[in-house]
Amino acid sequence: MQSSNFSQSIVNNTKPDDERKPYNILSIEGGGIRNILSLIALDYMETYACKYVNEVKNTTLQCNQDGRILMKDMFDLIAGSSTGGVIAAALVCPANGHINQSYSSNEILDKF
């Protein structure tokens, strides 16, 4: 059986293992008001990631002025269902009209 053109193009365009970059995905499930727990966990991740980066110093990530690394800087794709989708959109939405800024999980929690 012959494979389709699409699958053949995927096979032909694969890179060697040492050239592949991981694709990081954050998925946030729905849950209504229970998503406050998700935001608290994301808030901890943003703060802890900054502390980790300051210790390791061999990464391209940088902490912002609040001592956080925002989710949009750590993940290639952020998605969610129901309330998780609203949180995902808020995490990547430009804040205060600046395209390079976005809301932290703590700011979203304050508005939640």
Protein backbone atom coordinates (compact mmCIF):
# COMPACT_ATOMS: atom_id res chain seq x y z
CA MET A 1 0.00 0.00 0.00
CA GLN A 2 1.38 3.39 -1.02
CA SER A 3 1.36 6.26 1.49
CA SER A 4 -0.26 9.60 0.71
CA ASN A 5 1.71 12.65 -0.44
CA PHE A 6 1.11 14.34 2.91
CA SER A 7 2.52 11.52 5.01
CA GLN A 8 5.40 11.10 2.56
CA SER A 9 6.30 14.79 2.93
CA ILE A 10 6.35 14.39 6.70
CA VAL A 11 8.68 11.41 6.46
CA ASN A 12 11.02 13.21 4.04
CA ASN A 13 11.18 16.42 6.09
CA THR A 14 12.03 14.98 9.48
CA LYS A 15 15.12 16.34 11.16
CA PRO A 16 17.75 14.31 13.00
CA ASP A 17 17.12 13.94 16.73
CA ASP A 18 19.87 16.41 17.67
CA GLU A 19 18.22 19.19 15.59
CA ARG A 20 14.69 18.81 16.97
CA LYS A 21 13.42 21.41 19.40
CA PRO A 22 10.77 20.32 21.91
CA TYR A 23 7.33 21.81 21.31
CA ASN A 24 5.88 22.79 24.69
CA ILE A 25 2.09 22.77 25.06
CA LEU A 26 0.10 24.04 28.04
CA SER A 27 -3.45 22.68 28.23
CA ILE A 28 -5.84 24.06 30.83
CA GLU A 29 -9.05 22.16 31.45
CA GLY A 30 -12.37 23.78 32.20
CA GLY A 31 -13.95 23.71 35.60
CA GLY A 32 -15.61 27.02 36.28
CA ILE A 33 -14.65 28.52 39.60
CA ARG A 34 -12.36 25.55 40.30
CA ASN A 35 -9.95 27.03 37.76
CA ILE A 36 -8.75 29.28 40.56
CA LEU A 37 -6.56 26.31 41.53
CA SER A 38 -5.15 26.20 38.00
CA LEU A 39 -4.29 29.89 38.21
CA ILE A 40 -2.60 29.41 41.58
CA ALA A 41 -0.50 26.58 40.10
CA LEU A 42 0.39 28.73 37.06
CA ASP A 43 1.31 31.61 39.37
CA TYR A 44 3.70 29.33 41.24
CA MET A 45 5.19 28.09 37.95
CA GLU A 46 5.85 31.65 36.74
CA THR A 47 7.63 32.58 39.97
CA TYR A 48 9.56 29.31 40.33
CA ALA A 49 10.70 29.42 36.67
CA CYS A 50 12.25 32.83 37.27
CA LYS A 51 14.12 31.58 40.33
CA TYR A 52 15.32 28.55 38.35
CA VAL A 53 16.50 30.67 35.42
CA ASN A 54 18.41 32.97 37.77
CA GLU A 55 20.24 29.94 39.20
CA VAL A 56 20.97 28.15 35.91
CA LYS A 57 21.62 31.15 33.63
CA ASN A 58 21.98 29.05 30.47
CA THR A 59 18.64 29.76 28.89
CA THR A 60 17.13 32.37 26.61
CA LEU A 61 14.26 33.01 29.02
CA GLN A 62 14.39 36.19 31.09
CA CYS A 63 12.42 37.28 34.13
CA ASN A 64 10.21 40.35 33.84
CA GLN A 65 10.22 43.28 36.28
CA ASP A 66 7.80 41.41 38.59
CA GLY A 67 10.19 38.45 39.00
CA ARG A 68 8.24 36.09 36.72
CA ILE A 69 8.56 34.32 33.43
CA LEU A 70 5.21 34.55 31.72
CA MET A 71 3.47 31.46 30.38
CA LYS A 72 3.53 32.80 26.82
CA ASP A 73 7.33 32.82 27.00
CA MET A 74 7.58 29.24 28.34
CA PHE A 75 5.09 27.50 26.04
CA ASP A 76 4.75 27.32 22.25
CA LEU A 77 1.00 26.62 22.41
CA ILE A 78 -1.50 27.46 25.16
CA ALA A 79 -5.01 26.06 24.88
CA GLY A 80 -7.92 25.17 27.09
CA SER A 81 -11.54 24.14 27.23
CA SER A 82 -14.37 26.17 28.73
CA THR A 83 -13.01 28.40 31.51
CA GLY A 84 -9.53 27.03 30.79
CA GLY A 85 -9.86 28.46 27.26
CA VAL A 86 -10.68 31.88 28.69
CA ILE A 87 -7.60 31.67 30.92
CA ALA A 88 -5.47 30.51 27.95
CA ALA A 89 -6.66 33.49 25.89
CA ALA A 90 -5.91 35.87 28.75
CA LEU A 91 -2.39 34.45 29.15
CA VAL A 92 -1.50 35.33 25.55
CA CYS A 93 -3.62 38.47 25.13
CA PRO A 94 -1.56 41.68 24.81
CA ALA A 95 -1.75 43.65 28.05
CA ASN A 96 -2.25 47.39 28.20
CA GLY A 97 -2.07 47.70 24.42
CA HIS A 98 1.54 46.47 24.25
CA ILE A 99 2.12 43.51 21.95
CA ASN A 100 5.19 42.33 23.89
CA GLN A 101 3.42 42.31 27.26
CA SER A 102 0.77 39.89 28.42
CA TYR A 103 -1.08 39.23 31.63
CA SER A 104 0.52 37.12 34.35
CA SER A 105 -1.49 34.38 35.99
CA ASN A 106 -1.56 36.51 39.15
CA GLU A 107 -3.20 39.41 37.28
CA ILE A 108 -5.77 37.04 35.78
CA LEU A 109 -6.44 35.58 39.23
CA ASP A 110 -7.12 39.08 40.56
CA LYS A 111 -9.72 39.60 37.80
CA PHE A 112 -11.21 36.12 38.18
